[in-house]
C-alpha atoms as a PDB file:
ATOM      1  CA  MET A   1      16.207  46.026 -68.911  1.00  0.00           C
ATOM      2  CA  GLU A   2      19.387  46.439 -70.968  1.00  0.00           C
ATOM      3  CA  HIS A   3      20.813  49.952 -71.159  1.00  0.00           C
ATOM      4  CA  ILE A   4      22.642  51.170 -74.250  1.00  0.00           C
ATOM      5  CA  GLY A   5      25.831  50.285 -72.394  1.00  0.00           C
ATOM      6  CA  GLY A   6      24.565  46.825 -71.446  1.00  0.00           C
ATOM      7  CA  SER A   7      23.047  45.508 -68.239  1.00  0.00           C
ATOM      8  CA  PRO A   8      24.286  47.065 -64.988  1.00  0.00           C
ATOM      9  CA  TRP A   9      26.873  44.855 -63.303  1.00  0.00           C
ATOM     10  CA  GLN A  10      26.747  44.934 -59.512  1.00  0.00           C
ATOM     11  CA  ASP A  11      27.995  42.741 -56.698  1.00  0.00           C
ATOM     12  CA  ALA A  12      25.768  41.077 -54.080  1.00  0.00           C
ATOM     13  CA  ASP A  13      25.768  44.265 -52.008  1.00  0.00           C
ATOM     14  CA  GLY A  14      24.653  46.433 -54.916  1.00  0.00           C
ATOM     15  CA  ASN A  15      28.061  48.028 -55.471  1.00  0.00           C
ATOM     16  CA  TRP A  16      28.678  49.193 -59.028  1.00  0.00           C
ATOM     17  CA  LEU A  17      31.129  47.064 -61.047  1.00  0.00           C
ATOM     18  CA  GLY A  18      30.479  48.074 -64.651  1.00  0.00           C
ATOM     19  CA  TRP A  19      28.429  46.702 -67.541  1.00  0.00           C
ATOM     20  CA  GLN A  20      27.613  43.225 -68.823  1.00  0.00           C
ATOM     21  CA  HIS A  21      26.589  42.402 -72.371  1.00  0.00           C
ATOM     22  CA  GLY A  22      25.154  38.958 -72.957  1.00  0.00           C
ATOM     23  CA  ALA A  23      24.726  37.130 -76.257  1.00  0.00           C
ATOM     24  CA  PRO A  24      22.402  34.218 -77.065  1.00  0.00           C
ATOM     25  CA  GLY A  25      24.218  30.956 -76.437  1.00  0.00           C
ATOM     26  CA  ALA A  26      27.417  32.671 -75.288  1.00  0.00           C
ATOM     27  CA  SER A  27      29.702  30.336 -73.383  1.00  0.00           C
ATOM     28  CA  ARG A  28      32.907  32.323 -73.867  1.00  0.00           C
ATOM     29  CA  ARG A  29      33.479  35.388 -71.733  1.00  0.00           C
ATOM     30  CA  VAL A  30      35.776  38.372 -71.880  1.00  0.00           C
ATOM     31  CA  LEU A  31      36.630  40.762 -69.060  1.00  0.00           C
ATOM     32  CA  VAL A  32      37.480  44.198 -70.480  1.00  0.00           C
ATOM     33  CA  MET A  33      39.709  46.625 -68.589  1.00  0.00           C
ATOM     34  CA  HIS A  34      39.584  49.987 -70.342  1.00  0.00           C
ATOM     35  CA  GLY A  35      42.068  52.815 -70.721  1.00  0.00           C
ATOM     36  CA  ASN A  36      42.495  55.870 -68.559  1.00  0.00           C
ATOM     37  CA  ALA A  37      40.202  58.261 -70.425  1.00  0.00           C
ATOM     38  CA  GLY A  38      36.446  58.184 -69.953  1.00  0.00           C
ATOM     39  CA  GLN A  39      34.573  55.314 -68.340  1.00  0.00           C
ATOM     40  CA  ALA A  40      33.235  51.840 -69.026  1.00  0.00           C
ATOM     41  CA  LEU A  41      30.101  53.216 -70.694  1.00  0.00           C
ATOM     42  CA  ASP A  42      32.306  54.758 -73.380  1.00  0.00           C
ATOM     43  CA  ARG A  43      33.615  51.312 -74.396  1.00  0.00           C
ATOM     44  CA  GLN A  44      30.592  50.110 -76.347  1.00  0.00           C
ATOM     45  CA  TYR A  45      32.936  49.509 -79.278  1.00  0.00           C
ATOM     46  CA  PHE A  46      34.275  46.460 -77.455  1.00  0.00           C
ATOM     47  CA  THR A  47      30.779  44.988 -77.342  1.00  0.00           C
ATOM     48  CA  ALA A  48      30.369  45.626 -81.068  1.00  0.00           C
ATOM     49  CA  LEU A  49      33.798  44.096 -81.673  1.00  0.00           C
ATOM     50  CA  PHE A  50      33.107  40.852 -79.823  1.00  0.00           C
ATOM     51  CA  ARG A  51      29.667  40.511 -81.356  1.00  0.00           C
ATOM     52  CA  GLY A  52      31.486  40.421 -84.685  1.00  0.00           C
ATOM     53  CA  LEU A  53      33.983  37.703 -83.717  1.00  0.00           C
ATOM     54  CA  HIS A  54      31.966  34.767 -84.974  1.00  0.00           C
ATOM     55  CA  ASP A  55      34.654  32.077 -85.226  1.00  0.00           C
ATOM     56  CA  SER A  56      35.625  32.303 -81.560  1.00  0.00           C
ATOM     57  CA  GLY A  57      32.231  33.395 -80.191  1.00  0.00           C
ATOM     58  CA  PRO A  58      29.521  33.999 -79.298  1.00  0.00           C
ATOM     59  CA  TRP A  59      30.874  36.134 -76.474  1.00  0.00           C
ATOM     60  CA  GLU A  60      29.588  37.532 -73.198  1.00  0.00           C
ATOM     61  CA  VAL A  61      31.303  40.891 -72.663  1.00  0.00           C
ATOM     62  CA  ASN A  62      31.981  42.214 -69.152  1.00  0.00           C
ATOM     63  CA  VAL A  63      33.341  45.763 -69.026  1.00  0.00           C
ATOM     64  CA  LEU A  64      34.869  46.609 -65.650  1.00  0.00           C
ATOM     65  CA  GLU A  65      34.508  50.071 -64.179  1.00  0.00           C
ATOM     66  CA  TYR A  66      37.380  51.305 -62.029  1.00  0.00           C
ATOM     67  CA  PRO A  67      37.013  52.833 -58.565  1.00  0.00           C
ATOM     68  CA  GLY A  68      36.624  56.588 -58.964  1.00  0.00           C
ATOM     69  CA  TYR A  69      35.555  56.309 -62.626  1.00  0.00           C
ATOM     70  CA  GLY A  70      32.033  56.856 -63.946  1.00  0.00           C
ATOM     71  CA  PRO A  71      29.420  56.109 -61.256  1.00  0.00           C
ATOM     72  CA  ARG A  72      31.718  53.857 -59.233  1.00  0.00           C
ATOM     73  CA  THR A  73      32.827  55.210 -55.882  1.00  0.00           C
ATOM     74  CA  GLY A  74      36.361  55.018 -54.576  1.00  0.00           C
ATOM     75  CA  THR A  75      39.785  56.423 -55.296  1.00  0.00           C
ATOM     76  CA  PRO A  76      41.796  55.185 -58.287  1.00  0.00           C
ATOM     77  CA  SER A  77      45.275  53.783 -57.703  1.00  0.00           C
ATOM     78  CA  GLU A  78      47.192  50.770 -58.920  1.00  0.00           C
ATOM     79  CA  GLN A  79      46.114  48.796 -55.860  1.00  0.00           C
ATOM     80  CA  THR A  80      42.424  49.709 -56.001  1.00  0.00           C
ATOM     81  CA  LEU A  81      42.243  49.026 -59.751  1.00  0.00           C
ATOM     82  CA  ARG A  82      44.021  45.718 -59.252  1.00  0.00           C
ATOM     83  CA  ASN A  83      41.688  44.708 -56.419  1.00  0.00           C
ATOM     84  CA  ALA A  84      38.597  45.659 -58.421  1.00  0.00           C
ATOM     85  CA  ALA A  85      39.717  43.591 -61.404  1.00  0.00           C
ATOM     86  CA  VAL A  86      40.579  40.527 -59.302  1.00  0.00           C
ATOM     87  CA  GLN A  87      37.215  40.844 -57.536  1.00  0.00           C
ATOM     88  CA  ALA A  88      35.494  40.925 -60.932  1.00  0.00           C
ATOM     89  CA  MET A  89      37.278  37.766 -62.035  1.00  0.00           C
ATOM     90  CA  ASP A  90      36.342  36.026 -58.792  1.00  0.00           C
ATOM     91  CA  LEU A  91      32.686  36.987 -59.264  1.00  0.00           C
ATOM     92  CA  LEU A  92      32.700  35.632 -62.818  1.00  0.00           C
ATOM     93  CA  GLN A  93      34.193  32.378 -61.550  1.00  0.00           C
ATOM     94  CA  ALA A  94      31.643  32.144 -58.737  1.00  0.00           C
ATOM     95  CA  GLN A  95      28.859  32.685 -61.250  1.00  0.00           C
ATOM     96  CA  ARG A  96      30.210  30.084 -63.680  1.00  0.00           C
ATOM     97  CA  PRO A  97      33.681  28.520 -63.375  1.00  0.00           C
ATOM     98  CA  GLY A  98      35.560  28.474 -66.644  1.00  0.00           C
ATOM     99  CA  PRO A  99      38.161  30.267 -68.725  1.00  0.00           C
ATOM    100  CA  VAL A 100      37.826  34.028 -69.187  1.00  0.00           C
ATOM    101  CA  LEU A 101      39.644  36.046 -71.840  1.00  0.00           C
ATOM    102  CA  LEU A 102      41.180  39.301 -70.598  1.00  0.00           C
ATOM    103  CA  LEU A 103      41.300  42.455 -72.709  1.00  0.00           C
ATOM    104  CA  GLY A 104      43.409  45.344 -71.494  1.00  0.00           C
ATOM    105  CA  GLU A 105      43.332  48.692 -73.272  1.00  0.00           C
ATOM    106  CA  SER A 106      46.277  51.038 -72.588  1.00  0.00           C
ATOM    107  CA  LEU A 107      46.169  51.523 -68.775  1.00  0.00           C
ATOM    108  CA  GLY A 108      44.021  48.399 -68.708  1.00  0.00           C
ATOM    109  CA  SER A 109      46.969  46.382 -69.984  1.00  0.00           C
ATOM    110  CA  GLY A 110      48.592  46.829 -66.586  1.00  0.00           C
ATOM    111  CA  VAL A 111      45.331  46.021 -64.799  1.00  0.00           C
ATOM    112  CA  SER A 112      44.809  42.859 -66.845  1.00  0.00           C
ATOM    113  CA  ALA A 113      48.378  41.800 -66.098  1.00  0.00           C
ATOM    114  CA  HIS A 114      47.553  41.988 -62.386  1.00  0.00           C
ATOM    115  CA  VAL A 115      44.604  39.628 -62.944  1.00  0.00           C
ATOM    116  CA  ALA A 116      46.778  37.198 -64.886  1.00  0.00           C
ATOM    117  CA  ALA A 117      49.336  37.194 -62.073  1.00  0.00           C
ATOM    118  CA  ALA A 118      46.728  36.784 -59.314  1.00  0.00           C
ATOM    119  CA  ARG A 119      44.375  34.299 -61.026  1.00  0.00           C
ATOM    120  CA  PRO A 120      46.424  32.445 -63.639  1.00  0.00           C
ATOM    121  CA  ASP A 121      44.231  29.340 -63.614  1.00  0.00           C
ATOM    122  CA  ALA A 122      41.153  31.342 -64.657  1.00  0.00           C
ATOM    123  CA  VAL A 123      42.726  33.181 -67.613  1.00  0.00           C
ATOM    124  CA  ALA A 124      42.060  31.717 -71.058  1.00  0.00           C
ATOM    125  CA  GLY A 125      44.153  34.272 -72.946  1.00  0.00           C
ATOM    126  CA  ILE A 126      44.900  37.979 -73.142  1.00  0.00           C
ATOM    127  CA  ILE A 127      44.389  40.741 -75.715  1.00  0.00           C
ATOM    128  CA  LEU A 128      46.396  43.919 -75.127  1.00  0.00           C
ATOM    129  CA  VAL A 129      45.452  47.032 -77.118  1.00  0.00           C
ATOM    130  CA  THR A 130      48.038  49.858 -77.188  1.00  0.00           C
ATOM    131  CA  PRO A 131      49.777  48.358 -74.134  1.00  0.00           C
ATOM    132  CA  PHE A 132      52.944  49.337 -72.306  1.00  0.00           C
ATOM    133  CA  ALA A 133      55.601  47.104 -70.776  1.00  0.00           C
ATOM    134  CA  SER A 134      55.709  49.444 -67.785  1.00  0.00           C
ATOM    135  CA  LEU A 135      54.154  52.771 -66.896  1.00  0.00           C
ATOM    136  CA  GLY A 136      57.590  53.989 -65.870  1.00  0.00           C
ATOM    137  CA  ALA A 137      58.868  53.511 -69.424  1.00  0.00           C
ATOM    138  CA  VAL A 138      55.982  55.607 -70.742  1.00  0.00           C
ATOM    139  CA  ALA A 139      56.735  58.343 -68.225  1.00  0.00           C
ATOM    140  CA  ARG A 140      60.437  58.316 -69.075  1.00  0.00           C
ATOM    141  CA  TYR A 141      59.586  58.659 -72.766  1.00  0.00           C
ATOM    142  CA  HIS A 142      57.518  61.779 -72.124  1.00  0.00           C
ATOM    143  CA  MET A 143      59.687  63.226 -69.322  1.00  0.00           C
ATOM    144  CA  PRO A 144      63.235  62.027 -70.022  1.00  0.00           C
ATOM    145  CA  PHE A 145      64.932  64.629 -67.843  1.00  0.00           C
ATOM    146  CA  LEU A 146      62.965  63.990 -64.652  1.00  0.00           C
ATOM    147  CA  PRO A 147      63.644  61.298 -62.010  1.00  0.00           C
ATOM    148  CA  VAL A 148      60.495  59.430 -63.002  1.00  0.00           C
ATOM    149  CA  ALA A 149      61.288  56.326 -60.947  1.00  0.00           C
ATOM    150  CA  LEU A 150      61.192  58.463 -57.818  1.00  0.00           C
ATOM    151  CA  LEU A 151      58.067  60.383 -58.805  1.00  0.00           C
ATOM    152  CA  LEU A 152      55.774  57.568 -59.921  1.00  0.00           C
ATOM    153  CA  ARG A 153      53.397  56.273 -57.273  1.00  0.00           C
ATOM    154  CA  ASP A 154      51.910  53.587 -59.523  1.00  0.00           C
ATOM    155  CA  ARG A 155      54.290  51.423 -61.538  1.00  0.00           C
ATOM    156  CA  PHE A 156      52.042  49.008 -63.480  1.00  0.00           C
ATOM    157  CA  ASP A 157      54.966  46.776 -64.429  1.00  0.00           C
ATOM    158  CA  THR A 158      53.076  44.793 -67.059  1.00  0.00           C
ATOM    159  CA  LEU A 159      56.154  42.939 -68.272  1.00  0.00           C
ATOM    160  CA  ALA A 160      57.013  41.600 -64.820  1.00  0.00           C
ATOM    161  CA  LEU A 161      53.411  40.720 -64.002  1.00  0.00           C
ATOM    162  CA  LEU A 162      53.098  38.664 -67.203  1.00  0.00           C
ATOM    163  CA  SER A 163      56.412  36.868 -66.716  1.00  0.00           C
ATOM    164  CA  GLY A 164      54.605  33.691 -65.639  1.00  0.00           C
ATOM    165  CA  PHE A 165      51.907  33.820 -68.317  1.00  0.00           C
ATOM    166  CA  ASP A 166      52.429  31.534 -71.313  1.00  0.00           C
ATOM    167  CA  GLY A 167      48.889  31.360 -72.686  1.00  0.00           C
ATOM    168  CA  PRO A 168      47.629  32.881 -75.951  1.00  0.00           C
ATOM    169  CA  LEU A 169      48.529  36.569 -76.251  1.00  0.00           C
ATOM    170  CA  VAL A 170      47.347  39.144 -78.804  1.00  0.00           C
ATOM    171  CA  ILE A 171      49.016  42.557 -79.025  1.00  0.00           C
ATOM    172  CA  VAL A 172      47.530  45.417 -81.048  1.00  0.00           C
ATOM    173  CA  THR A 173      49.672  48.515 -81.599  1.00  0.00           C
ATOM    174  CA  GLY A 174      49.438  51.727 -83.592  1.00  0.00           C
ATOM    175  CA  GLY A 175      52.391  52.852 -85.656  1.00  0.00           C
ATOM    176  CA  ALA A 176      51.435  56.503 -85.146  1.00  0.00           C
ATOM    177  CA  ASP A 177      50.748  56.207 -81.407  1.00  0.00           C
ATOM    178  CA  ASP A 178      52.395  59.177 -79.684  1.00  0.00           C
ATOM    179  CA  VAL A 179      50.863  58.481 -76.254  1.00  0.00           C
ATOM    180  CA  VAL A 180      52.221  54.957 -75.804  1.00  0.00           C
ATOM    181  CA  PRO A 181      54.608  54.506 -78.741  1.00  0.00           C
ATOM    182  CA  GLU A 182      54.566  50.942 -79.958  1.00  0.00           C
ATOM    183  CA  GLN A 183      58.228  50.376 -79.103  1.00  0.00           C
ATOM    184  CA  LEU A 184      57.132  50.532 -75.456  1.00  0.00           C
ATOM    185  CA  ALA A 185      54.913  47.494 -76.067  1.00  0.00           C
ATOM    186  CA  LEU A 186      57.461  45.371 -77.928  1.00  0.00           C
ATOM    187  CA  PRO A 187      59.186  43.969 -74.806  1.00  0.00           C
ATOM    188  CA  LEU A 188      55.892  42.179 -74.081  1.00  0.00           C
ATOM    189  CA  LYS A 189      56.095  40.514 -77.474  1.00  0.00           C
ATOM    190  CA  THR A 190      59.758  39.572 -77.134  1.00  0.00           C
ATOM    191  CA  ALA A 191      59.354  38.074 -73.665  1.00  0.00           C
ATOM    192  CA  HIS A 192      56.225  35.996 -74.317  1.00  0.00           C
ATOM    193  CA  ARG A 193      56.819  32.233 -74.356  1.00  0.00           C
ATOM    194  CA  GLY A 194      53.447  31.098 -75.675  1.00  0.00           C
ATOM    195  CA  LYS A 195      51.372  31.516 -78.806  1.00  0.00           C
ATOM    196  CA  LEU A 196      51.318  35.138 -79.921  1.00  0.00           C
ATOM    197  CA  LEU A 197      49.736  37.325 -82.585  1.00  0.00           C
ATOM    198  CA  HIS A 198      50.809  40.937 -83.097  1.00  0.00           C
ATOM    199  CA  TRP A 199      48.656  43.195 -85.260  1.00  0.00           C
ATOM    200  CA  ARG A 200      50.400  46.454 -86.099  1.00  0.00           C
ATOM    201  CA  GLN A 201      48.171  49.171 -87.520  1.00  0.00           C
ATOM    202  CA  PRO A 202      50.744  51.420 -89.248  1.00  0.00           C
ATOM    203  CA  ASP A 203      48.696  54.632 -89.403  1.00  0.00           C
ATOM    204  CA  ALA A 204      46.749  54.292 -86.138  1.00  0.00           C
ATOM    205  CA  GLY A 205      47.225  56.583 -83.182  1.00  0.00           C
ATOM    206  CA  HIS A 206      46.531  55.810 -79.546  1.00  0.00           C
ATOM    207  CA  ASN A 207      42.852  56.687 -79.867  1.00  0.00           C
ATOM    208  CA  THR A 208      42.283  55.727 -83.507  1.00  0.00           C
ATOM    209  CA  ILE A 209      42.829  51.957 -83.392  1.00  0.00           C
ATOM    210  CA  ASP A 210      40.541  50.229 -85.882  1.00  0.00           C
ATOM    211  CA  MET A 211      37.939  48.343 -83.828  1.00  0.00           C
ATOM    212  CA  ASN A 212      35.836  47.136 -86.772  1.00  0.00           C
ATOM    213  CA  PRO A 213      35.487  43.343 -86.435  1.00  0.00           C
ATOM    214  CA  ARG A 214      35.374  43.086 -90.224  1.00  0.00           C
ATOM    215  CA  ALA A 215      38.926  44.448 -90.520  1.00  0.00           C
ATOM    216  CA  GLN A 216      41.349  41.752 -91.646  1.00  0.00           C
ATOM    217  CA  GLY A 217      43.402  42.095 -88.464  1.00  0.00           C
ATOM    218  CA  TRP A 218      40.430  41.316 -86.242  1.00  0.00           C
ATOM    219  CA  ARG A 219      39.418  38.457 -88.535  1.00  0.00           C
ATOM    220  CA  ASP A 220      42.909  37.027 -88.027  1.00  0.00           C
ATOM    221  CA  ILE A 221      42.596  37.534 -84.274  1.00  0.00           C
ATOM    222  CA  ASP A 222      39.192  35.841 -84.311  1.00  0.00           C
ATOM    223  CA  ALA A 223      40.686  32.779 -86.018  1.00  0.00           C
ATOM    224  CA  PHE A 224      43.651  32.823 -83.617  1.00  0.00           C
ATOM    225  CA  LEU A 225      41.338  32.866 -80.577  1.00  0.00           C
ATOM    226  CA  ALA A 226      39.174  30.091 -82.007  1.00  0.00           C
ATOM    227  CA  ALA A 227      42.260  27.914 -82.492  1.00  0.00           C
ATOM    228  CA  GLN A 228      44.107  28.745 -79.264  1.00  0.00           C
ATOM    229  CA  LEU A 229      41.509  29.200 -76.525  1.00  0.00           C
ATOM    230  CA  PRO A 230      40.249  26.261 -74.465  1.00  0.00           C
ATOM    231  CA  PRO A 231      37.106  24.584 -75.848  1.00  0.00           C
ATOM    232  CA  GLN A 232      33.924  26.432 -74.958  1.00  0.00           C
ATOM    233  CA  GLY A 233      32.441  25.239 -71.695  1.00  0.00           C
ATOM    234  CA  GLU A 234      35.638  23.550 -70.503  1.00  0.00           C
ATOM    235  CA  SER A 235      36.084  23.822 -66.772  1.00  0.00           C
ATOM    236  CA  LEU A 236      39.196  25.143 -65.099  1.00  0.00           C
ATOM    237  CA  ARG A 237      40.786  24.381 -61.789  1.00  0.00           C
ATOM    238  CA  GLU A 238      39.763  26.434 -58.803  1.00  0.00           C
ATOM    239  CA  PRO A 239      41.154  30.008 -59.082  1.00  0.00           C
ATOM    240  CA  SER A 240      44.410  30.541 -57.180  1.00  0.00           C
ATOM    241  CA  ALA A 241      44.182  32.131 -53.745  1.00  0.00           C
ATOM    242  CA  GLU A 242      45.495  35.626 -53.066  1.00  0.00           C
END
C-alpha cells in the first residue's frame, strides 16, 4: 500500500530508510537528500517534480531519511548522514545495478557530495538545490566575528568532496536566498569540469524555490538530463569500495 509520501523504504532488517515512489516503466532513479528542516515526508514536491520531467523520465524517486529525523532512529552528524546516504546507494545498486541521479537540497548538497566521493561509479549526475560550497562558509557569513572554523563540528566541504566529479551537474540558486546566499554556491559552478547547467531564480528565497516541473527552468533541466545522463538501463561498473 502506497502512503501519501510513497512506499516505506526499509532495509533487510526492517530499519527505516525513507520513502520510495515508483512510476510505471521507470528505469531512471534519483536519490534525494533533503535539507535540514522537516523530514523526508515533507519532500513530496520532489516526487511531483520528477513525475513532470518527461523527457528524461520516467523516474523512480527515492527520498532518504536521515538518522534522527522523522521516524528514523539515530543521532544526526556529518558522519551518520554520510553513512546513511552511502548505505542507501549501495542498497539501490544491490537491487538493480545502474546509474543513479543524486539530488541534494541545501544540507543535502553536502550529503550528496559524500555519496559522489564514495561511490563515483554509481553516480549518473547531480542536481544541487540551494547548495553551499562548504558549511563553514555559510557559518562565517552569518557569524563573521566568531572563530567558526574552531566551533564547527561538521564541515560538509561540498567543494572538496566534488573535486573528482566531472559528470553532469545542475545547480539551482535563489537570488533572494538569505539562508545560503547564492554566492556561497558559485565556487561549485566555477570548479566543475564537466557539463553544467545553472538555473538562477532571481526572486526566490531559500524556501521559495520554484519546484513546478512546468517552469521553463525545470524544462531546460529536463532536456539537459535527457541529453547528458547515461542511456536508460545502461549498466555501470561495480560500485567503488569504501
